[in-house]
């Protein structure tokens, strides 16, 4: 319903432009089809990657992209309601369910990086160097050290819940376990203010770490792998979805040009890339 109202408003505005400018209805409709709604995780926005990629895509294709950066869960909810055309997300289990429910088409592997557990340099819970993320969480929970969760059903939040489950920890309602309801960059800022621990994707952390005062304390566990896919919203379920634009964006993301950009993105500022390109690979081959 929301998308229908937005579409109706857009078409009404286009109708006004048609009357005033002499543009034909066919030309106006074509203009409307050049608008593309991308629902994506906050990490792709906060890391700065989309600031590089979107202008290139728009210049190459003529599409105008409206980027809505939310948690992966919220992005998929938008897809389930037909309120987005294409998704760029990092919550594999939820993505598989999204596809099984018939909400998505053409799911493609794009890239990966990893999650890290960060916290104050003093490390009151003593987790630094832990080989297991689950053991690190147990050490945080035992003394009740403050931990900031995004609590937003994002890919990061889903990963956190998986680690807590592996650790046998029921954190909900515990005083030490606090939820921000915010994106990754903002949650890192809150963690810094409270000298708390949190789970972050490496890309966002490196992009904003300059003013944080938080250190990487745990990394390298296989459970911390962070995988991104692009998914078109199913036009058979939502006829007003810009399927052509979604396919153009999907093809763009797996193109050699974009994969080469991803391969080196962040090297100039951080000495290493924020993501690893994965087009053409299988999930099973990652992290090996």
Protein backbone atom coordinates (compact mmCIF):
# COMPACT_ATOMS: atom_id res chain seq x y z
CA UNK A 1 0.00 0.00 0.00
CA UNK A 2 2.81 2.42 0.88
CA UNK A 3 4.55 1.80 -2.43
CA UNK A 4 1.23 2.34 -4.27
CA UNK A 5 0.77 5.71 -2.56
CA UNK A 6 4.34 6.72 -3.37
CA UNK A 7 3.91 5.55 -6.96
CA UNK A 8 0.62 7.47 -7.30
CA UNK A 9 2.23 10.64 -5.94
CA UNK A 10 5.15 10.26 -8.32
CA UNK A 11 2.84 9.73 -11.29
CA UNK A 12 0.74 12.75 -10.30
CA UNK A 13 3.88 14.87 -10.15
CA UNK A 14 5.00 13.51 -13.51
CA UNK A 15 1.57 14.36 -14.93
CA UNK A 16 2.02 17.96 -13.86
CA UNK A 17 5.45 18.06 -15.49
CA UNK A 18 3.96 16.57 -18.68
CA UNK A 19 1.36 19.34 -18.88
CA UNK A 20 3.86 22.11 -18.23
CA UNK A 21 6.75 20.87 -20.35
CA UNK A 22 5.12 19.10 -23.26
CA UNK A 23 6.81 15.76 -22.44
CA UNK A 24 4.81 12.86 -23.79
CA UNK A 25 3.22 10.37 -21.36
CA UNK A 26 5.49 7.64 -22.77
CA UNK A 27 8.58 9.74 -22.04
CA UNK A 28 7.30 10.48 -18.53
CA UNK A 29 6.68 6.80 -17.83
CA UNK A 30 10.20 6.02 -19.01
CA UNK A 31 11.53 8.62 -16.58
CA UNK A 32 9.63 6.97 -13.73
CA UNK A 33 11.15 3.60 -14.66
CA UNK A 34 14.61 5.08 -14.28
CA UNK A 35 14.08 5.41 -10.53
CA UNK A 36 15.48 2.50 -8.52
CA UNK A 37 15.01 1.88 -4.80
CA UNK A 38 17.94 0.07 -3.16
CA UNK A 39 17.40 -1.22 0.37
CA UNK A 40 20.72 -2.09 1.93
CA UNK A 41 22.52 -2.73 5.18
CA UNK A 42 24.04 0.24 6.96
CA UNK A 43 27.55 -1.23 6.65
CA UNK A 44 27.67 -0.71 2.88
CA UNK A 45 26.69 2.93 3.46
CA UNK A 46 28.78 3.64 6.58
CA UNK A 47 31.90 2.14 5.02
CA UNK A 48 31.64 4.54 2.09
CA UNK A 49 31.51 1.79 -0.54
CA UNK A 50 28.17 2.90 -2.00
CA UNK A 51 29.41 6.48 -2.24
CA UNK A 52 31.88 5.15 -4.80
CA UNK A 53 29.70 2.62 -6.62
CA UNK A 54 26.32 4.34 -6.97
CA UNK A 55 27.55 7.35 -9.02
CA UNK A 56 29.29 4.95 -11.44
CA UNK A 57 26.13 2.86 -11.81
CA UNK A 58 23.96 5.93 -12.37
CA UNK A 59 26.32 7.34 -14.99
CA UNK A 60 26.56 4.02 -16.85
CA UNK A 61 22.88 3.14 -16.86
CA UNK A 62 20.89 6.35 -16.50
CA UNK A 63 19.09 5.03 -13.42
CA UNK A 64 18.61 7.25 -10.38
CA UNK A 65 19.17 5.25 -7.18
CA UNK A 66 17.39 6.04 -3.94
CA UNK A 67 19.43 4.29 -1.26
CA UNK A 68 17.71 3.32 1.99
CA UNK A 69 20.31 2.13 4.51
CA UNK A 70 18.75 0.03 7.28
CA UNK A 71 19.50 -3.32 8.88
CA UNK A 72 19.32 -6.38 6.62
CA UNK A 73 16.13 -7.49 8.37
CA UNK A 74 14.44 -4.17 7.68
CA UNK A 75 15.69 -4.21 4.09
CA UNK A 76 14.10 -7.63 3.55
CA UNK A 77 10.88 -6.46 5.20
CA UNK A 78 10.79 -3.67 2.62
CA UNK A 79 11.28 -6.31 -0.07
CA UNK A 80 8.46 -8.42 1.36
CA UNK A 81 6.14 -5.40 1.06
CA UNK A 82 7.29 -4.43 -2.43
CA UNK A 83 8.73 -1.17 -1.10
CA UNK A 84 12.16 -1.71 -2.70
CA UNK A 85 13.38 -2.92 -6.08
CA UNK A 86 16.68 -4.52 -5.11
CA UNK A 87 18.44 -5.49 -1.86
CA UNK A 88 22.11 -5.59 -0.84
CA UNK A 89 22.19 -7.51 2.44
CA UNK A 90 24.31 -9.73 4.70
CA UNK A 91 22.06 -12.09 6.61
CA UNK A 92 22.29 -15.45 4.76
CA UNK A 93 19.79 -17.46 6.81
CA UNK A 94 17.12 -14.76 6.51
CA UNK A 95 17.95 -14.32 2.81
CA UNK A 96 17.34 -18.01 2.15
CA UNK A 97 13.94 -17.73 3.82
CA UNK A 98 13.21 -14.60 1.80
CA UNK A 99 13.92 -16.55 -1.39
CA UNK A 100 11.95 -19.61 -0.22
CA UNK A 101 8.93 -17.37 0.42
CA UNK A 102 9.05 -16.24 -3.21
CA UNK A 103 9.94 -12.65 -2.34
CA UNK A 104 13.27 -12.51 -4.17
CA UNK A 105 14.87 -13.43 -7.48
CA UNK A 106 18.39 -13.70 -8.84
CA UNK A 107 20.32 -13.84 -5.53
CA UNK A 108 24.02 -13.33 -6.24
CA UNK A 109 27.11 -13.51 -4.06
CA UNK A 110 28.93 -10.15 -4.13
CA UNK A 111 31.61 -9.94 -1.42
CA UNK A 112 32.54 -10.70 2.15
CA UNK A 113 34.50 -9.35 5.04
CA UNK A 114 34.33 -10.41 8.67
CA UNK A 115 32.85 -9.45 11.98
CA UNK A 116 35.06 -8.45 14.88
CA UNK A 117 34.46 -7.96 18.58
CA UNK A 118 35.71 -4.56 19.64
CA UNK A 119 35.95 -2.93 23.02
CA UNK A 120 37.88 -0.53 25.26
CA UNK A 121 41.67 -0.95 25.32
CA UNK A 122 41.48 -1.72 29.06
CA UNK A 123 39.46 -4.86 28.15
CA UNK A 124 37.84 -5.38 31.59
CA UNK A 125 36.41 -8.78 30.58
CA UNK A 126 39.81 -10.03 29.37
CA UNK A 127 38.64 -11.23 25.95
CA UNK A 128 41.62 -10.03 23.91
CA UNK A 129 43.02 -12.77 21.70
CA UNK A 130 40.23 -15.28 22.35
CA UNK A 131 40.10 -17.79 19.50
CA UNK A 132 36.39 -18.40 19.93
CA UNK A 133 33.77 -15.66 19.69
CA UNK A 134 31.47 -17.75 21.91
CA UNK A 135 34.12 -17.91 24.66
CA UNK A 136 34.60 -14.15 24.38
CA UNK A 137 30.89 -13.60 24.94
CA UNK A 138 30.96 -15.86 27.98
CA UNK A 139 33.78 -13.75 29.40
CA UNK A 140 31.80 -10.57 28.76
CA UNK A 141 28.64 -11.99 30.36
CA UNK A 142 30.27 -13.49 33.45
CA UNK A 143 31.21 -10.22 35.18
CA UNK A 144 28.43 -8.29 33.47
CA UNK A 145 30.69 -6.09 31.35
CA UNK A 146 28.65 -3.62 29.29
CA UNK A 147 27.87 -4.82 25.77
CA UNK A 148 26.05 -2.79 23.13
CA UNK A 149 23.83 -4.70 20.70
CA UNK A 150 22.30 -3.11 17.62
CA UNK A 151 19.06 -4.88 18.52
CA UNK A 152 17.64 -4.06 15.08
CA UNK A 153 17.28 -7.46 13.37
CA UNK A 154 20.17 -6.54 11.09
CA UNK A 155 22.67 -9.01 9.69
CA UNK A 156 25.04 -8.00 12.49
CA UNK A 157 22.35 -8.54 15.11
CA UNK A 158 21.51 -11.95 13.60
CA UNK A 159 25.17 -12.95 13.75
CA UNK A 160 25.37 -11.81 17.37
CA UNK A 161 22.34 -13.92 18.28
CA UNK A 162 23.95 -16.93 16.60
CA UNK A 163 27.11 -16.47 18.67
CA UNK A 164 25.12 -16.03 21.89
CA UNK A 165 23.23 -19.23 21.10
CA UNK A 166 26.52 -21.07 20.52
CA UNK A 167 27.74 -19.74 23.86
CA UNK A 168 24.55 -20.85 25.64
CA UNK A 169 23.82 -17.30 26.79
CA UNK A 170 20.33 -15.83 27.16
CA UNK A 171 21.21 -12.14 27.10
CA UNK A 172 17.74 -10.63 26.68
CA UNK A 173 16.79 -8.52 29.68
CA UNK A 174 20.24 -8.71 31.26
CA UNK A 175 21.55 -5.40 32.60
CA UNK A 176 24.91 -5.78 30.88
CA UNK A 177 23.29 -6.41 27.48
CA UNK A 178 22.03 -3.10 26.11
CA UNK A 179 20.39 -2.45 22.75
CA UNK A 180 20.80 0.71 20.69
CA UNK A 181 18.31 0.11 17.88
CA UNK A 182 20.78 1.98 15.67
CA UNK A 183 22.96 1.31 12.65
CA UNK A 184 26.53 0.06 12.83
CA UNK A 185 28.34 3.39 12.80
CA UNK A 186 26.08 4.87 15.47
CA UNK A 187 26.29 1.75 17.63
CA UNK A 188 30.09 1.97 17.51
CA UNK A 189 29.87 5.58 18.66
CA UNK A 190 27.59 4.64 21.57
CA UNK A 191 29.95 1.80 22.50
CA UNK A 192 32.85 4.22 22.53
CA UNK A 193 30.97 6.62 24.81
CA UNK A 194 30.07 3.84 27.24
CA UNK A 195 33.44 2.06 26.96
CA UNK A 196 31.49 -1.04 26.01
CA UNK A 197 32.03 -4.11 23.86
CA UNK A 198 30.18 -4.64 20.59
CA UNK A 199 30.15 -6.76 17.44
CA UNK A 200 30.94 -4.87 14.24
CA UNK A 201 31.69 -5.58 10.62
CA UNK A 202 35.34 -4.81 9.91
CA UNK A 203 34.55 -2.40 7.06
CA UNK A 204 32.47 0.00 9.14
CA UNK A 205 34.85 -0.21 12.09
CA UNK A 206 37.86 0.72 9.97
CA UNK A 207 35.93 3.53 8.29
CA UNK A 208 35.02 5.22 11.60
CA UNK A 209 37.64 3.98 14.09
CA UNK A 210 39.70 7.19 14.08
CA UNK A 211 37.60 8.84 16.79
CA UNK A 212 36.35 5.76 18.62
CA UNK A 213 39.03 4.64 21.04
CA UNK A 214 37.91 1.02 20.62
CA UNK A 215 40.30 -1.83 19.79
CA UNK A 216 39.81 -5.04 17.84
CA UNK A 217 39.93 -7.68 20.56
CA UNK A 218 38.61 -10.85 18.90
CA UNK A 219 38.80 -11.84 15.25
CA UNK A 220 39.39 -14.82 12.98
CA UNK A 221 36.78 -17.28 14.26
CA UNK A 222 34.97 -19.00 11.36
CA UNK A 223 31.58 -17.95 12.78
CA UNK A 224 32.56 -14.31 12.21
CA UNK A 225 32.48 -14.56 8.40
CA UNK A 226 30.26 -11.79 6.95
CA UNK A 227 28.77 -12.47 3.50
CA UNK A 228 26.89 -10.06 1.21
CA UNK A 229 24.38 -10.89 -1.54
CA UNK A 230 22.36 -8.79 -3.98
CA UNK A 231 18.72 -9.85 -4.46
CA UNK A 232 16.07 -8.55 -6.83
CA UNK A 233 12.56 -8.19 -5.42
CA UNK A 234 10.19 -10.57 -7.20
CA UNK A 235 8.17 -8.68 -9.86
CA UNK A 236 5.70 -11.59 -10.09
CA UNK A 237 4.72 -10.79 -6.49
CA UNK A 238 5.00 -7.01 -6.85
CA UNK A 239 4.31 -5.89 -10.45
CA UNK A 240 5.35 -2.29 -9.81
CA UNK A 241 8.89 -3.35 -8.91
CA UNK A 242 11.51 -2.02 -11.31
CA UNK A 243 12.72 -5.45 -12.38
CA UNK A 244 14.86 -4.14 -15.24
CA UNK A 245 16.62 -1.69 -12.94
CA UNK A 246 17.14 -4.37 -10.29
CA UNK A 247 18.71 -6.68 -12.87
CA UNK A 248 20.93 -3.87 -14.15
CA UNK A 249 22.15 -3.20 -10.59
CA UNK A 250 22.68 -6.90 -9.89
CA UNK A 251 24.69 -7.34 -13.10
CA UNK A 252 26.67 -4.21 -12.26
CA UNK A 253 27.62 -5.53 -8.81
CA UNK A 254 29.08 -8.75 -10.21
CA UNK A 255 30.85 -7.02 -13.11
CA UNK A 256 34.64 -7.10 -13.31
CA UNK A 257 34.78 -3.32 -12.93
CA UNK A 258 32.94 -3.34 -9.61
CA UNK A 259 34.67 -6.44 -8.31
CA UNK A 260 38.02 -4.76 -9.01
CA UNK A 261 36.87 -1.65 -7.12
CA UNK A 262 35.78 -3.78 -4.16
CA UNK A 263 39.14 -5.57 -4.21
CA UNK A 264 41.05 -2.35 -3.52
CA UNK A 265 38.44 -0.25 -1.68
CA UNK A 266 39.95 1.05 1.56
CA UNK A 267 43.57 0.17 0.79
CA UNK A 268 44.59 3.82 0.34
CA UNK A 269 43.22 4.80 3.77
CA UNK A 270 43.62 1.67 5.87
CA UNK A 271 46.36 -0.34 4.20
CA UNK A 272 44.00 -3.21 3.44
CA UNK A 273 40.64 -3.60 1.63
CA UNK A 274 37.40 -3.38 3.61
CA UNK A 275 35.77 -6.17 1.58
CA UNK A 276 36.83 -9.12 -0.56
CA UNK A 277 35.13 -9.59 -3.97
CA UNK A 278 33.34 -12.91 -4.45
CA UNK A 279 31.41 -12.85 -7.75
CA UNK A 280 31.48 -16.30 -9.32
CA UNK A 281 32.53 -18.04 -6.10
CA UNK A 282 30.54 -20.30 -3.79
CA UNK A 283 29.82 -19.52 -0.16
CA UNK A 284 31.47 -22.81 0.80
CA UNK A 285 34.79 -21.62 -0.65
CA UNK A 286 34.95 -18.43 1.43
CA UNK A 287 37.27 -18.08 4.39
CA UNK A 288 39.44 -20.99 3.29
